[in-house]
Amino acid sequence: MEFNGKVAIVTGSARGLGRGIAEKLASLGAQVIISDINEEGVEKTASEFREKGYLADTFVANVADREQANALIQFAITKYEKLDILVNNAGINRDAMIHNMTSEQWDSVISVNLTGVFNCLQPAATHMRERGYGRIVNISSASWLGNIGQANYAAAKAGVIGLTKTAARELAKFNVTCNAICPGFIETDMTRGVPEKVWDIMVSKIPLGRAGKPEDVANCIAYLASDAASYITSEVINVGGGFIL
């Protein structure tokens, strides 16, 4: 898998899983645009990538804002005259039991995790249709099956799967693929903060016996974004070591 000459956007890539995905694509030669709501994090990540000899650009955007998301996509198209790969990774969680969930908790998660995916996908798909080429990978979650305390998150991630399959059907004839990844329990800044007891319980549910690493997800995404996966679209792939909620 080589991405020399390819232009890729990874949303939510200042840290964690998104950073791992961006670094994998960059290591394979892609011109990667690091995008996140955190300006300091975006610049720090891009600087570290460049020190490794990777091609890294930056764009600060809140994908929940339609205008900012569109500006991100147009930035790539204007500066590099194309966008080959879009990875919709940006996401947040605001966990609460249904009877305690506030409107803010519901709205904020849906806005970022579902509407944010559409906000980026729509202008990217429009461009890719016209070019006759594109790779879109959306990050869903094992939680789409339902998870206690995550009604908002599960609903958004289930929505991402429906959006992915619809986009795949609409874009296939234009040589644009669209797939979804469902990461399991992945070791990131977010999960490292859970209590040791919770960590042990989560790992005990993984047949492979360990938490995943960002590169485990990134390797799968790199394949889906490559020309080697040109006949794969509308798929939902679990990357979780057999993880079962």
C-alpha atoms as a PDB file:
ATOM      1  CA  MET A   1       0.000   0.000   0.000  1.00  0.00           C
ATOM      2  CA  GLU A   2       1.512   3.278  -1.127  1.00  0.00           C
ATOM      3  CA  PHE A   3      -0.130   6.690  -1.115  1.00  0.00           C
ATOM      4  CA  ASN A   4       2.421   8.827  -2.883  1.00  0.00           C
ATOM      5  CA  GLY A   5       0.568  11.709  -4.530  1.00  0.00           C
ATOM      6  CA  LYS A   6      -2.637  11.033  -2.576  1.00  0.00           C
ATOM      7  CA  VAL A   7      -4.295  13.726  -0.471  1.00  0.00           C
ATOM      8  CA  ALA A   8      -6.032  12.640   2.714  1.00  0.00           C
ATOM      9  CA  ILE A   9      -8.069  14.366   5.411  1.00  0.00           C
ATOM     10  CA  VAL A  10      -8.433  12.743   8.828  1.00  0.00           C
ATOM     11  CA  THR A  11     -10.825  14.551  11.145  1.00  0.00           C
ATOM     12  CA  GLY A  12     -10.177  14.535  14.882  1.00  0.00           C
ATOM     13  CA  SER A  13      -6.538  13.719  14.235  1.00  0.00           C
ATOM     14  CA  ALA A  14      -4.696  15.879  16.753  1.00  0.00           C
ATOM     15  CA  ARG A  15      -4.440  12.920  19.125  1.00  0.00           C
ATOM     16  CA  GLY A  16      -5.617   9.407  19.889  1.00  0.00           C
ATOM     17  CA  LEU A  17      -7.065   7.148  17.240  1.00  0.00           C
ATOM     18  CA  GLY A  18      -7.243   9.907  14.637  1.00  0.00           C
ATOM     19  CA  ARG A  19      -3.583  10.701  15.047  1.00  0.00           C
ATOM     20  CA  GLY A  20      -2.706   7.038  14.612  1.00  0.00           C
ATOM     21  CA  ILE A  21      -4.726   6.870  11.408  1.00  0.00           C
ATOM     22  CA  ALA A  22      -3.160  10.061  10.032  1.00  0.00           C
ATOM     23  CA  GLU A  23       0.333   8.870  10.869  1.00  0.00           C
ATOM     24  CA  LYS A  24      -0.199   5.557   9.104  1.00  0.00           C
ATOM     25  CA  LEU A  25      -1.366   7.251   5.903  1.00  0.00           C
ATOM     26  CA  ALA A  26       1.448   9.791   6.100  1.00  0.00           C
ATOM     27  CA  SER A  27       4.040   7.062   6.645  1.00  0.00           C
ATOM     28  CA  LEU A  28       2.863   5.481   3.401  1.00  0.00           C
ATOM     29  CA  GLY A  29       3.415   8.708   1.479  1.00  0.00           C
ATOM     30  CA  ALA A  30       0.089  10.539   1.638  1.00  0.00           C
ATOM     31  CA  GLN A  31      -0.196  14.300   1.966  1.00  0.00           C
ATOM     32  CA  VAL A  32      -2.212  14.321   5.173  1.00  0.00           C
ATOM     33  CA  ILE A  33      -4.288  17.204   6.463  1.00  0.00           C
ATOM     34  CA  ILE A  34      -4.468  17.100  10.246  1.00  0.00           C
ATOM     35  CA  SER A  35      -7.799  18.510  11.359  1.00  0.00           C
ATOM     36  CA  ASP A  36      -9.246  18.972  14.804  1.00  0.00           C
ATOM     37  CA  ILE A  37     -11.015  21.558  16.930  1.00  0.00           C
ATOM     38  CA  ASN A  38      -7.873  21.898  19.069  1.00  0.00           C
ATOM     39  CA  GLU A  39      -5.539  24.316  17.273  1.00  0.00           C
ATOM     40  CA  GLU A  40      -2.577  23.710  19.576  1.00  0.00           C
ATOM     41  CA  GLY A  41      -2.930  19.960  19.193  1.00  0.00           C
ATOM     42  CA  VAL A  42      -3.209  20.206  15.418  1.00  0.00           C
ATOM     43  CA  GLU A  43      -0.018  22.232  15.093  1.00  0.00           C
ATOM     44  CA  LYS A  44       1.896  20.012  17.533  1.00  0.00           C
ATOM     45  CA  THR A  45       0.918  16.823  15.704  1.00  0.00           C
ATOM     46  CA  ALA A  46       1.723  18.260  12.283  1.00  0.00           C
ATOM     47  CA  SER A  47       5.101  19.495  13.538  1.00  0.00           C
ATOM     48  CA  GLU A  48       5.971  16.055  14.908  1.00  0.00           C
ATOM     49  CA  PHE A  49       4.941  14.444  11.618  1.00  0.00           C
ATOM     50  CA  ARG A  50       7.148  16.814   9.642  1.00  0.00           C
ATOM     51  CA  GLU A  51      10.101  15.997  11.884  1.00  0.00           C
ATOM     52  CA  LYS A  52       9.665  12.398  10.712  1.00  0.00           C
ATOM     53  CA  GLY A  53       9.687  13.524   7.093  1.00  0.00           C
ATOM     54  CA  TYR A  54       5.952  13.135   6.567  1.00  0.00           C
ATOM     55  CA  LEU A  55       3.813  15.473   4.480  1.00  0.00           C
ATOM     56  CA  ALA A  56       1.482  17.149   6.970  1.00  0.00           C
ATOM     57  CA  ASP A  57      -0.768  20.160   6.631  1.00  0.00           C
ATOM     58  CA  THR A  58      -3.262  21.593   9.124  1.00  0.00           C
ATOM     59  CA  PHE A  59      -6.800  22.919   9.277  1.00  0.00           C
ATOM     60  CA  VAL A  60      -8.682  23.743  12.464  1.00  0.00           C
ATOM     61  CA  ALA A  61     -12.381  22.933  12.218  1.00  0.00           C
ATOM     62  CA  ASN A  62     -15.374  21.888  14.255  1.00  0.00           C
ATOM     63  CA  VAL A  63     -17.064  19.319  12.030  1.00  0.00           C
ATOM     64  CA  ALA A  64     -20.380  19.900  13.806  1.00  0.00           C
ATOM     65  CA  ASP A  65     -20.413  23.317  12.136  1.00  0.00           C
ATOM     66  CA  ARG A  66     -21.501  22.853   8.521  1.00  0.00           C
ATOM     67  CA  GLU A  67     -19.578  25.866   7.223  1.00  0.00           C
ATOM     68  CA  GLN A  68     -16.356  24.857   8.974  1.00  0.00           C
ATOM     69  CA  ALA A  69     -16.623  21.283   7.717  1.00  0.00           C
ATOM     70  CA  ASN A  70     -17.179  22.484   4.157  1.00  0.00           C
ATOM     71  CA  ALA A  71     -14.240  24.878   4.487  1.00  0.00           C
ATOM     72  CA  LEU A  72     -12.023  21.964   5.509  1.00  0.00           C
ATOM     73  CA  ILE A  73     -12.900  19.968   2.408  1.00  0.00           C
ATOM     74  CA  GLN A  74     -12.558  22.992   0.135  1.00  0.00           C
ATOM     75  CA  PHE A  75      -9.161  23.787   1.664  1.00  0.00           C
ATOM     76  CA  ALA A  76      -7.801  20.483   0.411  1.00  0.00           C
ATOM     77  CA  ILE A  77      -9.408  20.802  -3.001  1.00  0.00           C
ATOM     78  CA  THR A  78      -8.205  24.365  -3.503  1.00  0.00           C
ATOM     79  CA  LYS A  79      -4.648  23.877  -2.248  1.00  0.00           C
ATOM     80  CA  TYR A  80      -3.948  20.406  -3.631  1.00  0.00           C
ATOM     81  CA  GLU A  81      -6.492  20.399  -6.478  1.00  0.00           C
ATOM     82  CA  LYS A  82      -8.050  17.179  -5.231  1.00  0.00           C
ATOM     83  CA  LEU A  83      -9.101  15.081  -2.258  1.00  0.00           C
ATOM     84  CA  ASP A  84      -8.489  11.345  -2.553  1.00  0.00           C
ATOM     85  CA  ILE A  85      -9.209  10.067   0.967  1.00  0.00           C
ATOM     86  CA  LEU A  86     -11.535  11.209   3.717  1.00  0.00           C
ATOM     87  CA  VAL A  87     -11.506   9.537   7.128  1.00  0.00           C
ATOM     88  CA  ASN A  88     -14.353  10.754   9.335  1.00  0.00           C
ATOM     89  CA  ASN A  89     -12.941  10.067  12.778  1.00  0.00           C
ATOM     90  CA  ALA A  90     -13.866  13.091  14.913  1.00  0.00           C
ATOM     91  CA  GLY A  91     -16.037  12.140  17.851  1.00  0.00           C
ATOM     92  CA  ILE A  92     -16.915  12.882  21.460  1.00  0.00           C
ATOM     93  CA  ASN A  93     -18.738  11.096  24.260  1.00  0.00           C
ATOM     94  CA  ARG A  94     -21.077  12.503  26.906  1.00  0.00           C
ATOM     95  CA  ASP A  95     -22.213   9.374  28.736  1.00  0.00           C
ATOM     96  CA  ALA A  96     -25.319   9.198  30.919  1.00  0.00           C
ATOM     97  CA  MET A  97     -28.191   6.840  31.570  1.00  0.00           C
ATOM     98  CA  ILE A  98     -31.244   7.631  29.446  1.00  0.00           C
ATOM     99  CA  HIS A  99     -33.295   8.916  32.369  1.00  0.00           C
ATOM    100  CA  ASN A 100     -30.495  11.320  33.333  1.00  0.00           C
ATOM    101  CA  MET A 101     -29.311  12.398  29.866  1.00  0.00           C
ATOM    102  CA  THR A 102     -29.617  16.122  29.227  1.00  0.00           C
ATOM    103  CA  SER A 103     -30.528  17.756  25.954  1.00  0.00           C
ATOM    104  CA  GLU A 104     -26.980  19.124  25.740  1.00  0.00           C
ATOM    105  CA  GLN A 105     -25.484  15.654  26.155  1.00  0.00           C
ATOM    106  CA  TRP A 106     -27.715  14.240  23.448  1.00  0.00           C
ATOM    107  CA  ASP A 107     -27.383  17.131  21.005  1.00  0.00           C
ATOM    108  CA  SER A 108     -23.617  17.566  21.292  1.00  0.00           C
ATOM    109  CA  VAL A 109     -22.846  13.895  20.611  1.00  0.00           C
ATOM    110  CA  ILE A 110     -25.261  13.648  17.683  1.00  0.00           C
ATOM    111  CA  SER A 111     -23.922  16.930  16.268  1.00  0.00           C
ATOM    112  CA  VAL A 112     -20.297  15.802  16.233  1.00  0.00           C
ATOM    113  CA  ASN A 113     -20.519  12.037  15.794  1.00  0.00           C
ATOM    114  CA  LEU A 114     -23.274  11.855  13.176  1.00  0.00           C
ATOM    115  CA  THR A 115     -24.033  15.272  11.701  1.00  0.00           C
ATOM    116  CA  GLY A 116     -20.300  16.002  11.641  1.00  0.00           C
ATOM    117  CA  VAL A 117     -19.723  12.942   9.465  1.00  0.00           C
ATOM    118  CA  PHE A 118     -22.392  14.078   7.021  1.00  0.00           C
ATOM    119  CA  ASN A 119     -21.057  17.648   7.024  1.00  0.00           C
ATOM    120  CA  CYS A 120     -17.680  16.431   5.760  1.00  0.00           C
ATOM    121  CA  LEU A 121     -18.941  13.579   3.620  1.00  0.00           C
ATOM    122  CA  GLN A 122     -21.324  15.661   1.534  1.00  0.00           C
ATOM    123  CA  PRO A 123     -18.833  18.137   0.006  1.00  0.00           C
ATOM    124  CA  ALA A 124     -16.171  15.426  -0.278  1.00  0.00           C
ATOM    125  CA  ALA A 125     -18.583  13.114  -2.098  1.00  0.00           C
ATOM    126  CA  THR A 126     -19.583  15.899  -4.464  1.00  0.00           C
ATOM    127  CA  HIS A 127     -15.939  16.444  -5.410  1.00  0.00           C
ATOM    128  CA  MET A 128     -15.150  12.736  -5.680  1.00  0.00           C
ATOM    129  CA  ARG A 129     -18.149  12.117  -7.925  1.00  0.00           C
ATOM    130  CA  GLU A 130     -16.876  14.750 -10.316  1.00  0.00           C
ATOM    131  CA  ARG A 131     -13.339  13.319 -10.272  1.00  0.00           C
ATOM    132  CA  GLY A 132     -14.471   9.732 -10.611  1.00  0.00           C
ATOM    133  CA  TYR A 133     -12.344   8.603  -7.685  1.00  0.00           C
ATOM    134  CA  GLY A 134     -12.419   8.596  -3.914  1.00  0.00           C
ATOM    135  CA  ARG A 135     -12.094   6.617  -0.708  1.00  0.00           C
ATOM    136  CA  ILE A 136     -14.268   7.435   2.305  1.00  0.00           C
ATOM    137  CA  VAL A 137     -13.907   5.630   5.622  1.00  0.00           C
ATOM    138  CA  ASN A 138     -16.240   6.481   8.503  1.00  0.00           C
ATOM    139  CA  ILE A 139     -15.472   5.548  12.094  1.00  0.00           C
ATOM    140  CA  SER A 140     -18.436   3.932  13.804  1.00  0.00           C
ATOM    141  CA  SER A 141     -18.079   1.850  16.976  1.00  0.00           C
ATOM    142  CA  ALA A 142     -18.891  -1.498  18.519  1.00  0.00           C
ATOM    143  CA  SER A 143     -21.279   0.569  20.657  1.00  0.00           C
ATOM    144  CA  TRP A 144     -23.685   0.893  17.734  1.00  0.00           C
ATOM    145  CA  LEU A 145     -25.205  -2.357  18.979  1.00  0.00           C
ATOM    146  CA  GLY A 146     -26.240  -0.537  22.150  1.00  0.00           C
ATOM    147  CA  ASN A 147     -24.325   0.108  25.349  1.00  0.00           C
ATOM    148  CA  ILE A 148     -25.529   1.070  28.812  1.00  0.00           C
ATOM    149  CA  GLY A 149     -25.067   4.776  29.445  1.00  0.00           C
ATOM    150  CA  GLN A 150     -24.413   5.565  25.790  1.00  0.00           C
ATOM    151  CA  ALA A 151     -27.802   6.096  24.155  1.00  0.00           C
ATOM    152  CA  ASN A 152     -26.514   9.209  22.381  1.00  0.00           C
ATOM    153  CA  TYR A 153     -23.224   7.644  21.305  1.00  0.00           C
ATOM    154  CA  ALA A 154     -24.793   4.355  20.187  1.00  0.00           C
ATOM    155  CA  ALA A 155     -27.499   6.168  18.218  1.00  0.00           C
ATOM    156  CA  ALA A 156     -24.930   8.336  16.457  1.00  0.00           C
ATOM    157  CA  LYS A 157     -22.652   5.418  15.616  1.00  0.00           C
ATOM    158  CA  ALA A 158     -25.581   3.362  14.316  1.00  0.00           C
ATOM    159  CA  GLY A 159     -26.504   6.341  12.179  1.00  0.00           C
ATOM    160  CA  VAL A 160     -22.992   6.417  10.767  1.00  0.00           C
ATOM    161  CA  ILE A 161     -23.466   2.867   9.517  1.00  0.00           C
ATOM    162  CA  GLY A 162     -26.716   3.758   7.773  1.00  0.00           C
ATOM    163  CA  LEU A 163     -25.092   6.827   6.247  1.00  0.00           C
ATOM    164  CA  THR A 164     -22.099   4.777   5.109  1.00  0.00           C
ATOM    165  CA  LYS A 165     -24.213   2.173   3.338  1.00  0.00           C
ATOM    166  CA  THR A 166     -26.337   4.824   1.632  1.00  0.00           C
ATOM    167  CA  ALA A 167     -23.295   6.766   0.458  1.00  0.00           C
ATOM    168  CA  ALA A 168     -21.709   3.559  -0.819  1.00  0.00           C
ATOM    169  CA  ARG A 169     -24.759   2.811  -2.977  1.00  0.00           C
ATOM    170  CA  GLU A 170     -24.966   6.342  -4.336  1.00  0.00           C
ATOM    171  CA  LEU A 171     -21.256   6.713  -5.090  1.00  0.00           C
ATOM    172  CA  ALA A 172     -20.282   3.274  -6.390  1.00  0.00           C
ATOM    173  CA  LYS A 173     -20.841   4.096 -10.050  1.00  0.00           C
ATOM    174  CA  PHE A 174     -18.461   7.028  -9.703  1.00  0.00           C
ATOM    175  CA  ASN A 175     -15.585   4.815  -8.498  1.00  0.00           C
ATOM    176  CA  VAL A 176     -15.947   6.118  -4.953  1.00  0.00           C
ATOM    177  CA  THR A 177     -16.016   3.607  -2.106  1.00  0.00           C
ATOM    178  CA  CYS A 178     -17.429   4.176   1.355  1.00  0.00           C
ATOM    179  CA  ASN A 179     -16.880   1.831   4.277  1.00  0.00           C
ATOM    180  CA  ALA A 180     -17.193   1.932   8.051  1.00  0.00           C
ATOM    181  CA  ILE A 181     -14.879   0.726  10.782  1.00  0.00           C
ATOM    182  CA  CYS A 182     -16.130  -0.313  14.221  1.00  0.00           C
ATOM    183  CA  PRO A 183     -13.211  -0.157  16.635  1.00  0.00           C
ATOM    184  CA  GLY A 184     -13.499  -2.193  19.797  1.00  0.00           C
ATOM    185  CA  PHE A 185     -11.657  -1.318  23.016  1.00  0.00           C
ATOM    186  CA  ILE A 186      -8.692   0.698  21.757  1.00  0.00           C
ATOM    187  CA  GLU A 187      -5.907   2.066  23.939  1.00  0.00           C
ATOM    188  CA  THR A 188      -6.093   5.869  23.577  1.00  0.00           C
ATOM    189  CA  ASP A 189      -5.913   8.925  25.842  1.00  0.00           C
ATOM    190  CA  MET A 190      -9.625   8.455  26.559  1.00  0.00           C
ATOM    191  CA  THR A 191      -9.502   4.784  27.529  1.00  0.00           C
ATOM    192  CA  ARG A 192      -6.278   5.111  29.540  1.00  0.00           C
ATOM    193  CA  GLY A 193      -8.272   7.202  31.982  1.00  0.00           C
ATOM    194  CA  VAL A 194     -10.679   4.423  32.988  1.00  0.00           C
ATOM    195  CA  PRO A 195     -10.213   2.746  36.395  1.00  0.00           C
ATOM    196  CA  GLU A 196      -8.047  -0.375  36.423  1.00  0.00           C
ATOM    197  CA  LYS A 197     -11.029  -2.549  37.372  1.00  0.00           C
ATOM    198  CA  VAL A 198     -13.018  -1.307  34.371  1.00  0.00           C
ATOM    199  CA  TRP A 199     -10.001  -1.804  32.113  1.00  0.00           C
ATOM    200  CA  ASP A 200      -9.673  -5.422  33.237  1.00  0.00           C
ATOM    201  CA  ILE A 201     -13.373  -6.070  32.643  1.00  0.00           C
ATOM    202  CA  MET A 202     -13.189  -4.639  29.128  1.00  0.00           C
ATOM    203  CA  VAL A 203     -10.079  -6.618  28.227  1.00  0.00           C
ATOM    204  CA  SER A 204     -11.682  -9.795  29.581  1.00  0.00           C
ATOM    205  CA  LYS A 205     -14.320  -9.461  26.851  1.00  0.00           C
ATOM    206  CA  ILE A 206     -11.697  -9.509  24.100  1.00  0.00           C
ATOM    207  CA  PRO A 207     -10.894 -13.029  22.800  1.00  0.00           C
ATOM    208  CA  LEU A 208      -7.423 -11.913  21.653  1.00  0.00           C
ATOM    209  CA  GLY A 209      -6.703 -10.910  25.252  1.00  0.00           C
ATOM    210  CA  ARG A 210      -5.527  -7.319  24.846  1.00  0.00           C
ATOM    211  CA  ALA A 211      -6.761  -3.835  24.158  1.00  0.00           C
ATOM    212  CA  GLY A 212      -6.256  -2.692  20.608  1.00  0.00           C
ATOM    213  CA  LYS A 213      -3.808  -0.010  19.547  1.00  0.00           C
ATOM    214  CA  PRO A 214      -4.510   2.871  17.153  1.00  0.00           C
ATOM    215  CA  GLU A 215      -2.286   1.228  14.555  1.00  0.00           C
ATOM    216  CA  ASP A 216      -4.533  -1.851  14.570  1.00  0.00           C
ATOM    217  CA  VAL A 217      -7.369   0.329  13.309  1.00  0.00           C
ATOM    218  CA  ALA A 218      -5.089   2.414  11.107  1.00  0.00           C
ATOM    219  CA  ASN A 219      -3.811  -0.660   9.257  1.00  0.00           C
ATOM    220  CA  CYS A 220      -7.346  -1.612   8.265  1.00  0.00           C
ATOM    221  CA  ILE A 221      -8.165   1.921   7.182  1.00  0.00           C
ATOM    222  CA  ALA A 222      -5.001   2.141   5.097  1.00  0.00           C
ATOM    223  CA  TYR A 223      -6.090  -0.964   3.230  1.00  0.00           C
ATOM    224  CA  LEU A 224      -9.611   0.351   2.614  1.00  0.00           C
ATOM    225  CA  ALA A 225      -8.173   3.665   1.421  1.00  0.00           C
ATOM    226  CA  SER A 226      -5.812   1.958  -0.998  1.00  0.00           C
ATOM    227  CA  ASP A 227      -6.371   0.884  -4.586  1.00  0.00           C
ATOM    228  CA  ALA A 228      -6.034  -2.721  -3.389  1.00  0.00           C
ATOM    229  CA  ALA A 229      -9.521  -2.339  -1.880  1.00  0.00           C
ATOM    230  CA  SER A 230     -11.147  -0.892  -4.990  1.00  0.00           C
ATOM    231  CA  TYR A 231     -13.825  -3.628  -4.988  1.00  0.00           C
ATOM    232  CA  ILE A 232     -14.794  -3.211  -1.339  1.00  0.00           C
ATOM    233  CA  THR A 233     -17.611  -0.818  -0.473  1.00  0.00           C
ATOM    234  CA  SER A 234     -20.599  -0.624   1.888  1.00  0.00           C
ATOM    235  CA  GLU A 235     -18.816  -2.841   4.400  1.00  0.00           C
ATOM    236  CA  VAL A 236     -18.828  -2.521   8.194  1.00  0.00           C
ATOM    237  CA  ILE A 237     -15.639  -3.997   9.592  1.00  0.00           C
ATOM    238  CA  ASN A 238     -15.086  -4.730  13.268  1.00  0.00           C
ATOM    239  CA  VAL A 239     -11.556  -4.105  14.471  1.00  0.00           C
ATOM    240  CA  GLY A 240     -11.655  -5.231  18.049  1.00  0.00           C
ATOM    241  CA  GLY A 241      -9.971  -8.568  18.554  1.00  0.00           C
ATOM    242  CA  GLY A 242     -13.360 -10.266  18.697  1.00  0.00           C
ATOM    243  CA  PHE A 243     -14.654  -7.718  21.222  1.00  0.00           C
ATOM    244  CA  ILE A 244     -18.225  -8.267  22.358  1.00  0.00           C
ATOM    245  CA  LEU A 245     -20.125  -5.663  24.366  1.00  0.00           C
END
